[in-house]
Amino acid sequence: MPDLNQLPDPATTISLLLADESATRALGEALAASLFPGLRIYLRGHLGAGKTTLVRSILKALGYQGRVKSPTYTLVELYPLSRLNLYHFDFYRFRDSNEWREAGFSDYFDHDNVCLVEWPEKAGQNLPDADLDIALEVLGYGEHVATDIGTEAVDASLDAHPRRALLRAHSPAGQRCLRSAALSTLQEGFS
């Protein structure tokens, strides 16, 4: 088992190649093991990059048995779990960054909840700083993905393509999460 102190500096970024959907699920499982109340993780990437798949795998690893859907239209879904409340946000439909403030979401971002946010850039400077940023990129598909296609349709067409995940910690809480994910991915043989 690799020693946590022998890992690269956790304040920096790690890059992982996710060869397929099962590798994305494995990353979600690694992240789930390190979640604790107050953590804010922001997920970035084009439509179909795997953001909702990653959230779904985190929730399944935490024992959630229900259906996990993208909150594209509802903006937020709450998943009360035994040891924490996890809020899954999706701000894709925001047209103005002030919509975040008007929706009253600031109360969710406290020390009691875990917040996973898709499309955080749509909320502008209104969001508190992320503890961990995860950028997902589909490799070998090209740079064009039609933004008017439904998320599930895009996900289905991109499943066969590998992805790159770039994880960057911005706080001690994010560093702790990044260390755990890095250790787990080393054990699982990610590249």
N, C-alpha and C. Protein backbone atom coordinates (compact mmCIF):
# COMPACT_ATOMS: atom_id res chain seq x y z
N MET A 1 0.86 -1.18 0.00
CA MET A 1 0.00 0.00 0.00
C MET A 1 0.89 1.24 0.00
N PRO A 2 0.71 2.19 -0.96
CA PRO A 2 1.53 3.39 -0.99
C PRO A 2 1.30 4.24 0.25
N ASP A 3 2.37 4.88 0.69
CA ASP A 3 2.29 5.76 1.85
C ASP A 3 1.77 7.13 1.41
N LEU A 4 0.79 7.70 2.16
CA LEU A 4 0.23 9.00 1.82
C LEU A 4 1.29 10.08 1.72
N ASN A 5 2.33 9.99 2.52
CA ASN A 5 3.38 11.02 2.50
C ASN A 5 4.27 10.91 1.28
N GLN A 6 4.21 9.81 0.56
CA GLN A 6 5.03 9.63 -0.63
C GLN A 6 4.33 10.06 -1.91
N LEU A 7 3.10 10.53 -1.79
CA LEU A 7 2.36 10.98 -2.97
C LEU A 7 2.83 12.36 -3.39
N PRO A 8 2.59 12.75 -4.64
CA PRO A 8 2.92 14.11 -5.06
C PRO A 8 2.25 15.14 -4.16
N ASP A 9 2.76 16.35 -4.16
CA ASP A 9 2.21 17.43 -3.34
C ASP A 9 0.71 17.53 -3.56
N PRO A 10 -0.10 17.33 -2.50
CA PRO A 10 -1.55 17.32 -2.67
C PRO A 10 -2.12 18.70 -2.93
N ALA A 11 -1.34 19.75 -2.81
CA ALA A 11 -1.84 21.09 -3.09
C ALA A 11 -1.84 21.36 -4.59
N THR A 12 -1.25 20.45 -5.35
CA THR A 12 -1.19 20.63 -6.79
C THR A 12 -2.31 19.85 -7.46
N THR A 13 -2.11 19.51 -8.69
CA THR A 13 -3.12 18.86 -9.50
C THR A 13 -2.69 17.44 -9.83
N ILE A 14 -3.65 16.53 -9.88
CA ILE A 14 -3.35 15.22 -10.43
C ILE A 14 -4.21 15.04 -11.69
N SER A 15 -3.65 14.35 -12.64
CA SER A 15 -4.34 14.07 -13.89
C SER A 15 -4.48 12.56 -14.02
N LEU A 16 -5.69 12.12 -14.33
CA LEU A 16 -5.96 10.70 -14.46
C LEU A 16 -6.56 10.41 -15.83
N LEU A 17 -6.16 9.32 -16.42
CA LEU A 17 -6.80 8.84 -17.64
C LEU A 17 -7.88 7.85 -17.22
N LEU A 18 -9.10 8.13 -17.61
CA LEU A 18 -10.23 7.26 -17.32
C LEU A 18 -10.57 6.54 -18.62
N ALA A 19 -10.13 5.30 -18.75
CA ALA A 19 -10.22 4.58 -20.01
C ALA A 19 -11.66 4.31 -20.45
N ASP A 20 -12.55 4.20 -19.47
CA ASP A 20 -13.94 3.87 -19.81
C ASP A 20 -14.84 4.30 -18.65
N GLU A 21 -16.13 3.99 -18.78
CA GLU A 21 -17.09 4.40 -17.76
C GLU A 21 -16.80 3.73 -16.42
N SER A 22 -16.28 2.51 -16.44
CA SER A 22 -15.98 1.84 -15.16
C SER A 22 -14.85 2.56 -14.43
N ALA A 23 -13.91 3.16 -15.15
CA ALA A 23 -12.85 3.94 -14.52
C ALA A 23 -13.42 5.22 -13.91
N THR A 24 -14.40 5.82 -14.58
CA THR A 24 -15.07 7.00 -14.02
C THR A 24 -15.81 6.62 -12.74
N ARG A 25 -16.46 5.47 -12.76
CA ARG A 25 -17.15 4.99 -11.54
C ARG A 25 -16.14 4.72 -10.43
N ALA A 26 -15.00 4.16 -10.76
CA ALA A 26 -13.97 3.88 -9.74
C ALA A 26 -13.45 5.17 -9.12
N LEU A 27 -13.31 6.22 -9.92
CA LEU A 27 -12.90 7.51 -9.37
C LEU A 27 -13.98 8.02 -8.42
N GLY A 28 -15.23 7.89 -8.79
CA GLY A 28 -16.33 8.30 -7.91
C GLY A 28 -16.30 7.55 -6.59
N GLU A 29 -16.02 6.25 -6.65
CA GLU A 29 -15.93 5.45 -5.43
C GLU A 29 -14.77 5.93 -4.56
N ALA A 30 -13.64 6.26 -5.19
CA ALA A 30 -12.49 6.76 -4.43
C ALA A 30 -12.82 8.08 -3.75
N LEU A 31 -13.51 8.95 -4.47
CA LEU A 31 -13.89 10.24 -3.89
C LEU A 31 -14.91 10.06 -2.77
N ALA A 32 -15.85 9.14 -2.93
CA ALA A 32 -16.89 8.92 -1.92
C ALA A 32 -16.29 8.57 -0.57
N ALA A 33 -15.22 7.81 -0.58
CA ALA A 33 -14.59 7.39 0.68
C ALA A 33 -13.99 8.56 1.46
N SER A 34 -13.76 9.67 0.77
CA SER A 34 -13.10 10.80 1.43
C SER A 34 -14.03 11.98 1.70
N LEU A 35 -15.32 11.84 1.42
CA LEU A 35 -16.25 12.95 1.62
C LEU A 35 -16.56 13.16 3.10
N PHE A 36 -16.72 14.41 3.47
CA PHE A 36 -17.11 14.77 4.83
C PHE A 36 -17.88 16.08 4.77
N PRO A 37 -18.72 16.35 5.77
CA PRO A 37 -19.55 17.56 5.75
C PRO A 37 -18.71 18.83 5.59
N GLY A 38 -19.24 19.73 4.78
CA GLY A 38 -18.59 21.02 4.52
C GLY A 38 -17.79 21.05 3.23
N LEU A 39 -17.62 19.91 2.58
CA LEU A 39 -16.80 19.81 1.37
C LEU A 39 -17.56 20.36 0.16
N ARG A 40 -16.87 21.13 -0.68
CA ARG A 40 -17.43 21.67 -1.92
C ARG A 40 -16.58 21.18 -3.09
N ILE A 41 -17.21 20.42 -3.99
CA ILE A 41 -16.52 19.90 -5.17
C ILE A 41 -17.23 20.44 -6.40
N TYR A 42 -16.45 21.09 -7.27
CA TYR A 42 -17.00 21.67 -8.49
C TYR A 42 -16.56 20.84 -9.69
N LEU A 43 -17.53 20.49 -10.52
CA LEU A 43 -17.32 19.62 -11.68
C LEU A 43 -17.44 20.43 -12.95
N ARG A 44 -16.42 20.36 -13.77
CA ARG A 44 -16.37 21.15 -15.01
C ARG A 44 -16.19 20.22 -16.20
N GLY A 45 -16.69 20.65 -17.34
CA GLY A 45 -16.54 19.88 -18.57
C GLY A 45 -17.75 20.08 -19.46
N HIS A 46 -17.55 19.78 -20.75
CA HIS A 46 -18.64 19.91 -21.73
C HIS A 46 -19.76 18.95 -21.40
N LEU A 47 -20.89 19.13 -22.08
CA LEU A 47 -21.98 18.15 -21.99
C LEU A 47 -21.45 16.78 -22.37
N GLY A 48 -21.80 15.79 -21.59
CA GLY A 48 -21.38 14.43 -21.89
C GLY A 48 -19.99 14.07 -21.40
N ALA A 49 -19.34 14.97 -20.68
CA ALA A 49 -17.98 14.69 -20.22
C ALA A 49 -17.94 13.69 -19.08
N GLY A 50 -19.06 13.46 -18.41
CA GLY A 50 -19.11 12.46 -17.34
C GLY A 50 -19.35 13.02 -15.95
N LYS A 51 -19.77 14.28 -15.86
CA LYS A 51 -19.98 14.91 -14.55
C LYS A 51 -21.08 14.19 -13.75
N THR A 52 -22.22 13.95 -14.38
CA THR A 52 -23.32 13.29 -13.68
C THR A 52 -22.97 11.83 -13.42
N THR A 53 -22.27 11.18 -14.31
CA THR A 53 -21.83 9.80 -14.08
C THR A 53 -20.94 9.73 -12.85
N LEU A 54 -20.06 10.71 -12.69
CA LEU A 54 -19.19 10.75 -11.52
C LEU A 54 -20.00 10.94 -10.24
N VAL A 55 -20.96 11.87 -10.25
CA VAL A 55 -21.82 12.08 -9.08
C VAL A 55 -22.62 10.82 -8.77
N ARG A 56 -23.16 10.21 -9.81
CA ARG A 56 -23.94 8.98 -9.62
C ARG A 56 -23.09 7.90 -8.94
N SER A 57 -21.84 7.75 -9.36
CA SER A 57 -20.98 6.73 -8.77
C SER A 57 -20.60 7.07 -7.33
N ILE A 58 -20.43 8.35 -7.03
CA ILE A 58 -20.17 8.77 -5.65
C ILE A 58 -21.35 8.37 -4.77
N LEU A 59 -22.56 8.69 -5.22
CA LEU A 59 -23.75 8.39 -4.43
C LEU A 59 -23.95 6.88 -4.25
N LYS A 60 -23.75 6.12 -5.30
CA LYS A 60 -23.89 4.66 -5.20
C LYS A 60 -22.86 4.11 -4.21
N ALA A 61 -21.64 4.62 -4.24
CA ALA A 61 -20.59 4.16 -3.32
C ALA A 61 -20.92 4.51 -1.87
N LEU A 62 -21.70 5.59 -1.69
CA LEU A 62 -22.11 5.99 -0.34
C LEU A 62 -23.34 5.22 0.13
N GLY A 63 -23.87 4.34 -0.72
CA GLY A 63 -24.99 3.50 -0.33
C GLY A 63 -26.35 3.97 -0.80
N TYR A 64 -26.40 5.02 -1.59
CA TYR A 64 -27.68 5.49 -2.09
C TYR A 64 -28.21 4.49 -3.11
N GLN A 65 -29.45 4.04 -2.93
CA GLN A 65 -30.03 3.00 -3.77
C GLN A 65 -30.98 3.52 -4.84
N GLY A 66 -31.43 4.76 -4.72
CA GLY A 66 -32.42 5.30 -5.64
C GLY A 66 -31.83 5.74 -6.97
N ARG A 67 -32.69 6.31 -7.77
CA ARG A 67 -32.30 6.84 -9.08
C ARG A 67 -31.57 8.16 -8.89
N VAL A 68 -30.47 8.34 -9.57
CA VAL A 68 -29.71 9.58 -9.53
C VAL A 68 -29.83 10.22 -10.90
N LYS A 69 -30.47 11.37 -10.94
CA LYS A 69 -30.63 12.06 -12.22
C LYS A 69 -29.95 13.41 -12.16
N SER A 70 -29.67 13.93 -13.32
CA SER A 70 -29.07 15.26 -13.38
C SER A 70 -30.11 16.29 -12.98
N PRO A 71 -29.76 17.22 -12.08
CA PRO A 71 -30.71 18.25 -11.69
C PRO A 71 -30.72 19.45 -12.64
N THR A 72 -30.61 19.18 -13.94
CA THR A 72 -30.57 20.24 -14.94
C THR A 72 -31.79 21.15 -14.86
N TYR A 73 -32.95 20.58 -14.61
CA TYR A 73 -34.17 21.39 -14.57
C TYR A 73 -34.56 21.79 -13.15
N THR A 74 -34.26 20.94 -12.19
CA THR A 74 -34.62 21.25 -10.80
C THR A 74 -33.54 22.10 -10.11
N LEU A 75 -32.36 22.17 -10.68
CA LEU A 75 -31.19 22.91 -10.19
C LEU A 75 -30.48 22.23 -9.03
N VAL A 76 -31.22 21.55 -8.14
CA VAL A 76 -30.57 20.90 -7.00
C VAL A 76 -31.37 19.66 -6.60
N GLU A 77 -30.65 18.63 -6.20
CA GLU A 77 -31.24 17.42 -5.64
C GLU A 77 -30.54 17.15 -4.32
N LEU A 78 -31.31 16.84 -3.29
CA LEU A 78 -30.77 16.48 -1.98
C LEU A 78 -30.75 14.97 -1.85
N TYR A 79 -29.62 14.44 -1.37
CA TYR A 79 -29.48 13.02 -1.07
C TYR A 79 -29.07 12.90 0.40
N PRO A 80 -30.06 12.66 1.28
CA PRO A 80 -29.71 12.48 2.69
C PRO A 80 -29.15 11.07 2.90
N LEU A 81 -27.92 11.03 3.35
CA LEU A 81 -27.25 9.75 3.58
C LEU A 81 -26.99 9.61 5.08
N SER A 82 -26.59 8.47 5.51
CA SER A 82 -26.46 8.22 6.95
C SER A 82 -25.48 9.17 7.64
N ARG A 83 -24.39 9.52 6.97
CA ARG A 83 -23.40 10.36 7.65
C ARG A 83 -23.32 11.79 7.12
N LEU A 84 -24.10 12.11 6.09
CA LEU A 84 -24.06 13.47 5.55
C LEU A 84 -25.24 13.75 4.63
N ASN A 85 -25.47 15.03 4.39
CA ASN A 85 -26.42 15.47 3.37
C ASN A 85 -25.61 15.90 2.17
N LEU A 86 -25.90 15.30 1.03
CA LEU A 86 -25.19 15.63 -0.19
C LEU A 86 -26.15 16.37 -1.11
N TYR A 87 -25.74 17.56 -1.54
CA TYR A 87 -26.52 18.35 -2.50
C TYR A 87 -25.83 18.30 -3.84
N HIS A 88 -26.58 17.94 -4.86
CA HIS A 88 -26.08 17.88 -6.23
C HIS A 88 -26.73 19.03 -7.01
N PHE A 89 -25.91 19.98 -7.41
CA PHE A 89 -26.38 21.16 -8.15
C PHE A 89 -26.00 21.03 -9.61
N ASP A 90 -26.81 21.63 -10.48
CA ASP A 90 -26.49 21.74 -11.90
C ASP A 90 -26.97 23.12 -12.36
N PHE A 91 -26.03 23.98 -12.69
CA PHE A 91 -26.36 25.35 -13.07
C PHE A 91 -26.30 25.57 -14.58
N TYR A 92 -26.37 24.49 -15.36
CA TYR A 92 -26.28 24.59 -16.81
C TYR A 92 -27.30 25.57 -17.39
N ARG A 93 -28.49 25.61 -16.87
CA ARG A 93 -29.56 26.43 -17.43
C ARG A 93 -29.51 27.89 -16.98
N PHE A 94 -28.61 28.24 -16.08
CA PHE A 94 -28.51 29.65 -15.67
C PHE A 94 -28.16 30.52 -16.87
N ARG A 95 -28.87 31.61 -17.01
CA ARG A 95 -28.57 32.58 -18.07
C ARG A 95 -27.81 33.76 -17.49
N ASP A 96 -27.91 33.93 -16.18
CA ASP A 96 -27.29 35.07 -15.49
C ASP A 96 -26.76 34.56 -14.15
N SER A 97 -25.57 34.96 -13.78
CA SER A 97 -24.98 34.48 -12.53
C SER A 97 -25.76 34.90 -11.30
N ASN A 98 -26.58 35.94 -11.41
CA ASN A 98 -27.39 36.36 -10.27
C ASN A 98 -28.51 35.38 -9.93
N GLU A 99 -28.82 34.47 -10.85
CA GLU A 99 -29.85 33.47 -10.57
C GLU A 99 -29.47 32.62 -9.36
N TRP A 100 -28.19 32.41 -9.13
CA TRP A 100 -27.74 31.64 -7.98
C TRP A 100 -28.17 32.34 -6.68
N ARG A 101 -27.91 33.62 -6.61
CA ARG A 101 -28.28 34.38 -5.41
C ARG A 101 -29.79 34.42 -5.24
N GLU A 102 -30.50 34.67 -6.32
CA GLU A 102 -31.96 34.75 -6.28
C GLU A 102 -32.60 33.43 -5.86
N ALA A 103 -31.95 32.31 -6.15
CA ALA A 103 -32.48 31.00 -5.78
C ALA A 103 -32.28 30.70 -4.29
N GLY A 104 -31.45 31.47 -3.62
CA GLY A 104 -31.23 31.29 -2.19
C GLY A 104 -30.36 30.09 -1.83
N PHE A 105 -29.42 29.75 -2.69
CA PHE A 105 -28.60 28.57 -2.47
C PHE A 105 -27.46 28.77 -1.46
N SER A 106 -27.18 29.99 -1.06
CA SER A 106 -26.01 30.22 -0.20
C SER A 106 -26.09 29.44 1.11
N ASP A 107 -27.29 29.19 1.63
CA ASP A 107 -27.44 28.46 2.89
C ASP A 107 -27.00 27.00 2.79
N TYR A 108 -27.01 26.44 1.61
CA TYR A 108 -26.62 25.05 1.43
C TYR A 108 -25.11 24.85 1.60
N PHE A 109 -24.34 25.90 1.33
CA PHE A 109 -22.89 25.80 1.32
C PHE A 109 -22.34 26.11 2.72
N ASP A 110 -22.64 25.22 3.66
CA ASP A 110 -22.18 25.43 5.03
C ASP A 110 -21.37 24.22 5.49
N HIS A 111 -21.03 24.18 6.76
CA HIS A 111 -20.17 23.12 7.28
C HIS A 111 -20.92 21.80 7.50
N ASP A 112 -22.24 21.77 7.27
CA ASP A 112 -23.02 20.56 7.49
C ASP A 112 -23.25 19.72 6.23
N ASN A 113 -23.03 20.29 5.06
CA ASN A 113 -23.41 19.65 3.81
C ASN A 113 -22.22 19.43 2.89
N VAL A 114 -22.35 18.43 2.02
CA VAL A 114 -21.42 18.25 0.91
C VAL A 114 -22.14 18.79 -0.32
N CYS A 115 -21.47 19.64 -1.08
CA CYS A 115 -22.06 20.22 -2.29
C CYS A 115 -21.23 19.82 -3.51
N LEU A 116 -21.88 19.11 -4.44
CA LEU A 116 -21.28 18.77 -5.72
C LEU A 116 -21.97 19.64 -6.75
N VAL A 117 -21.19 20.43 -7.49
CA VAL A 117 -21.76 21.44 -8.38
C VAL A 117 -21.29 21.23 -9.81
N GLU A 118 -22.25 20.95 -10.71
CA GLU A 118 -21.96 20.93 -12.14
C GLU A 118 -22.17 22.34 -12.69
N TRP A 119 -21.33 22.74 -13.62
CA TRP A 119 -21.39 24.05 -14.26
C TRP A 119 -21.25 25.20 -13.25
N PRO A 120 -20.27 25.17 -12.35
CA PRO A 120 -20.14 26.24 -11.36
C PRO A 120 -19.85 27.60 -11.99
N GLU A 121 -19.24 27.61 -13.15
CA GLU A 121 -18.92 28.88 -13.81
C GLU A 121 -20.17 29.68 -14.15
N LYS A 122 -21.32 29.02 -14.27
CA LYS A 122 -22.56 29.72 -14.58
C LYS A 122 -23.06 30.56 -13.40
N ALA A 123 -22.55 30.30 -12.19
CA ALA A 123 -22.93 31.08 -11.01
C ALA A 123 -21.96 32.23 -10.78
N GLY A 124 -20.94 32.33 -11.62
CA GLY A 124 -19.99 33.44 -11.52
C GLY A 124 -19.26 33.47 -10.20
N GLN A 125 -19.05 34.66 -9.69
CA GLN A 125 -18.33 34.87 -8.43
C GLN A 125 -19.22 34.68 -7.20
N ASN A 126 -20.45 34.29 -7.39
CA ASN A 126 -21.39 34.14 -6.28
C ASN A 126 -21.10 32.91 -5.42
N LEU A 127 -20.56 31.87 -6.01
CA LEU A 127 -20.28 30.64 -5.28
C LEU A 127 -19.10 30.82 -4.33
N PRO A 128 -19.14 30.14 -3.18
CA PRO A 128 -17.93 30.11 -2.35
C PRO A 128 -16.84 29.33 -3.08
N ASP A 129 -15.61 29.50 -2.68
CA ASP A 129 -14.51 28.80 -3.33
C ASP A 129 -14.67 27.29 -3.20
N ALA A 130 -14.23 26.59 -4.21
CA ALA A 130 -14.25 25.13 -4.20
C ALA A 130 -13.13 24.61 -3.32
N ASP A 131 -13.38 23.48 -2.68
CA ASP A 131 -12.31 22.75 -2.00
C ASP A 131 -11.56 21.91 -3.03
N LEU A 132 -12.32 21.37 -3.98
CA LEU A 132 -11.74 20.52 -5.01
C LEU A 132 -12.44 20.81 -6.33
N ASP A 133 -11.66 21.04 -7.37
CA ASP A 133 -12.17 21.21 -8.73
C ASP A 133 -11.84 19.94 -9.50
N ILE A 134 -12.82 19.45 -10.25
CA ILE A 134 -12.59 18.30 -11.12
C ILE A 134 -13.02 18.70 -12.52
N ALA A 135 -12.09 18.69 -13.45
CA ALA A 135 -12.38 18.97 -14.86
C ALA A 135 -12.33 17.66 -15.62
N LEU A 136 -13.39 17.36 -16.35
CA LEU A 136 -13.47 16.14 -17.15
C LEU A 136 -13.46 16.50 -18.62
N GLU A 137 -12.69 15.76 -19.38
CA GLU A 137 -12.57 16.02 -20.81
C GLU A 137 -12.65 14.70 -21.56
N VAL A 138 -13.51 14.64 -22.57
CA VAL A 138 -13.62 13.46 -23.42
C VAL A 138 -12.48 13.51 -24.42
N LEU A 139 -11.73 12.41 -24.53
CA LEU A 139 -10.60 12.34 -25.46
C LEU A 139 -11.02 11.63 -26.74
N GLY A 140 -10.53 12.10 -27.87
CA GLY A 140 -10.77 11.43 -29.13
C GLY A 140 -12.14 11.65 -29.72
N TYR A 141 -12.89 12.60 -29.20
CA TYR A 141 -14.24 12.84 -29.73
C TYR A 141 -14.30 14.13 -30.52
N GLY A 142 -13.33 14.99 -30.35
CA GLY A 142 -13.37 16.28 -31.00
C GLY A 142 -13.87 17.33 -30.03
N GLU A 143 -13.76 18.55 -30.42
CA GLU A 143 -14.13 19.65 -29.53
C GLU A 143 -15.58 20.09 -29.68
N HIS A 144 -16.30 19.53 -30.62
CA HIS A 144 -17.67 19.99 -30.81
C HIS A 144 -18.67 19.00 -30.21
N VAL A 145 -19.47 19.49 -29.31
CA VAL A 145 -20.59 18.73 -28.76
C VAL A 145 -21.76 19.69 -28.78
N ALA A 146 -22.81 19.33 -29.47
CA ALA A 146 -23.96 20.23 -29.58
C ALA A 146 -24.56 20.47 -28.20
N THR A 147 -24.71 21.73 -27.85
CA THR A 147 -25.20 22.05 -26.51
C THR A 147 -26.71 21.97 -26.40
N ASP A 148 -27.41 21.73 -27.50
CA ASP A 148 -28.85 21.64 -27.40
C ASP A 148 -29.34 20.20 -27.32
N ILE A 149 -28.42 19.26 -27.28
CA ILE A 149 -28.79 17.85 -27.15
C ILE A 149 -28.98 17.56 -25.67
N GLY A 150 -29.97 16.77 -25.31
CA GLY A 150 -30.20 16.40 -23.92
C GLY A 150 -29.00 15.68 -23.33
N THR A 151 -28.76 15.86 -22.06
CA THR A 151 -27.58 15.31 -21.39
C THR A 151 -27.49 13.79 -21.54
N GLU A 152 -28.61 13.08 -21.38
CA GLU A 152 -28.56 11.63 -21.47
C GLU A 152 -28.17 11.17 -22.87
N ALA A 153 -28.65 11.84 -23.91
CA ALA A 153 -28.30 11.47 -25.28
C ALA A 153 -26.82 11.69 -25.53
N VAL A 154 -26.28 12.78 -25.04
CA VAL A 154 -24.86 13.04 -25.22
C VAL A 154 -24.05 12.02 -24.46
N ASP A 155 -24.41 11.73 -23.20
CA ASP A 155 -23.69 10.74 -22.41
C ASP A 155 -23.64 9.40 -23.13
N ALA A 156 -24.76 8.98 -23.70
CA ALA A 156 -24.82 7.68 -24.36
C ALA A 156 -23.87 7.64 -25.56
N SER A 157 -23.76 8.72 -26.31
CA SER A 157 -22.92 8.72 -27.50
C SER A 157 -21.44 8.82 -27.16
N LEU A 158 -21.09 9.25 -25.96
CA LEU A 158 -19.70 9.44 -25.59
C LEU A 158 -19.15 8.36 -24.67
N ASP A 159 -19.98 7.41 -24.24
CA ASP A 159 -19.57 6.41 -23.26
C ASP A 159 -18.33 5.64 -23.67
N ALA A 160 -18.16 5.38 -24.96
CA ALA A 160 -17.05 4.56 -25.41
C ALA A 160 -15.72 5.30 -25.44
N HIS A 161 -15.74 6.60 -25.26
CA HIS A 161 -14.51 7.38 -25.36
C HIS A 161 -13.83 7.53 -24.00
N PRO A 162 -12.49 7.46 -24.00
CA PRO A 162 -11.78 7.69 -22.72
C PRO A 162 -11.88 9.16 -22.32
N ARG A 163 -11.64 9.40 -21.05
CA ARG A 163 -11.69 10.75 -20.50
C ARG A 163 -10.42 11.04 -19.73
N ARG A 164 -10.15 12.32 -19.59
CA ARG A 164 -9.10 12.77 -18.69
C ARG A 164 -9.78 13.52 -17.56
N ALA A 165 -9.36 13.22 -16.34
CA ALA A 165 -9.86 13.93 -15.17
C ALA A 165 -8.70 14.70 -14.56
N LEU A 166 -8.89 15.98 -14.39
CA LEU A 166 -7.89 16.85 -13.77
C LEU A 166 -8.47 17.28 -12.43
N LEU A 167 -7.82 16.92 -11.34
CA LEU A 167 -8.30 17.23 -9.99
C LEU A 167 -7.34 18.22 -9.35
N ARG A 168 -7.88 19.32 -8.83
CA ARG A 168 -7.06 20.34 -8.19
C ARG A 168 -7.67 20.73 -6.84
N ALA A 169 -6.85 20.61 -5.80
CA ALA A 169 -7.29 20.99 -4.46
C ALA A 169 -7.01 22.48 -4.24
N HIS A 170 -7.95 23.14 -3.54
CA HIS A 170 -7.83 24.57 -3.25
C HIS A 170 -7.86 24.88 -1.76
N SER A 171 -7.93 23.86 -0.92
CA SER A 171 -8.03 24.07 0.52
C SER A 171 -7.50 22.82 1.22
N PRO A 172 -7.28 22.89 2.52
CA PRO A 172 -6.89 21.67 3.26
C PRO A 172 -7.93 20.55 3.11
N ALA A 173 -9.22 20.90 3.10
CA ALA A 173 -10.26 19.89 2.90
C ALA A 173 -10.13 19.26 1.52
N GLY A 174 -9.88 20.06 0.51
CA GLY A 174 -9.68 19.55 -0.85
C GLY A 174 -8.42 18.71 -0.95
N GLN A 175 -7.37 19.11 -0.24
CA GLN A 175 -6.12 18.32 -0.23
C GLN A 175 -6.36 16.94 0.36
N ARG A 176 -7.14 16.88 1.42
CA ARG A 176 -7.45 15.61 2.06
C ARG A 176 -8.20 14.70 1.08
N CYS A 177 -9.17 15.26 0.39
CA CYS A 177 -9.94 14.51 -0.60
C CYS A 177 -9.05 14.06 -1.76
N LEU A 178 -8.19 14.96 -2.22
CA LEU A 178 -7.29 14.65 -3.33
C LEU A 178 -6.32 13.55 -2.95
N ARG A 179 -5.77 13.60 -1.73
CA ARG A 179 -4.85 12.55 -1.27
C ARG A 179 -5.54 11.19 -1.27
N SER A 180 -6.76 11.15 -0.78
CA SER A 180 -7.50 9.89 -0.73
C SER A 180 -7.76 9.36 -2.13
N ALA A 181 -8.17 10.24 -3.04
CA ALA A 181 -8.43 9.83 -4.42
C ALA A 181 -7.14 9.37 -5.09
N ALA A 182 -6.05 10.08 -4.84
CA ALA A 182 -4.76 9.72 -5.44
C ALA A 182 -4.31 8.36 -4.94
N LEU A 183 -4.43 8.12 -3.66
CA LEU A 183 -4.03 6.83 -3.09
C LEU A 183 -4.87 5.71 -3.68
N SER A 184 -6.16 5.90 -3.75
CA SER A 184 -7.05 4.88 -4.27
C SER A 184 -6.77 4.60 -5.75
N THR A 185 -6.52 5.65 -6.52
CA THR A 185 -6.27 5.46 -7.95
C THR A 185 -4.94 4.76 -8.18
N LEU A 186 -3.96 4.99 -7.31
CA LEU A 186 -2.70 4.27 -7.42
C LEU A 186 -2.92 2.77 -7.17
N GLN A 187 -3.77 2.46 -6.21
CA GLN A 187 -4.06 1.06 -5.90
C GLN A 187 -4.86 0.40 -7.00
N GLU A 188 -5.73 1.18 -7.67
CA GLU A 188 -6.59 0.62 -8.72
C GLU A 188 -5.89 0.54 -10.07
N GLY A 189 -4.73 1.16 -10.22
CA GLY A 189 -4.00 1.08 -11.47
C GLY A 189 -4.43 2.06 -12.54
N PHE A 190 -4.95 3.22 -12.14
CA PHE A 190 -5.27 4.25 -13.11
C PHE A 190 -3.98 4.70 -13.78
N SER A 191 -4.09 5.28 -14.95
CA SER A 191 -2.89 5.84 -15.59
C SER A 191 -2.98 7.34 -15.64
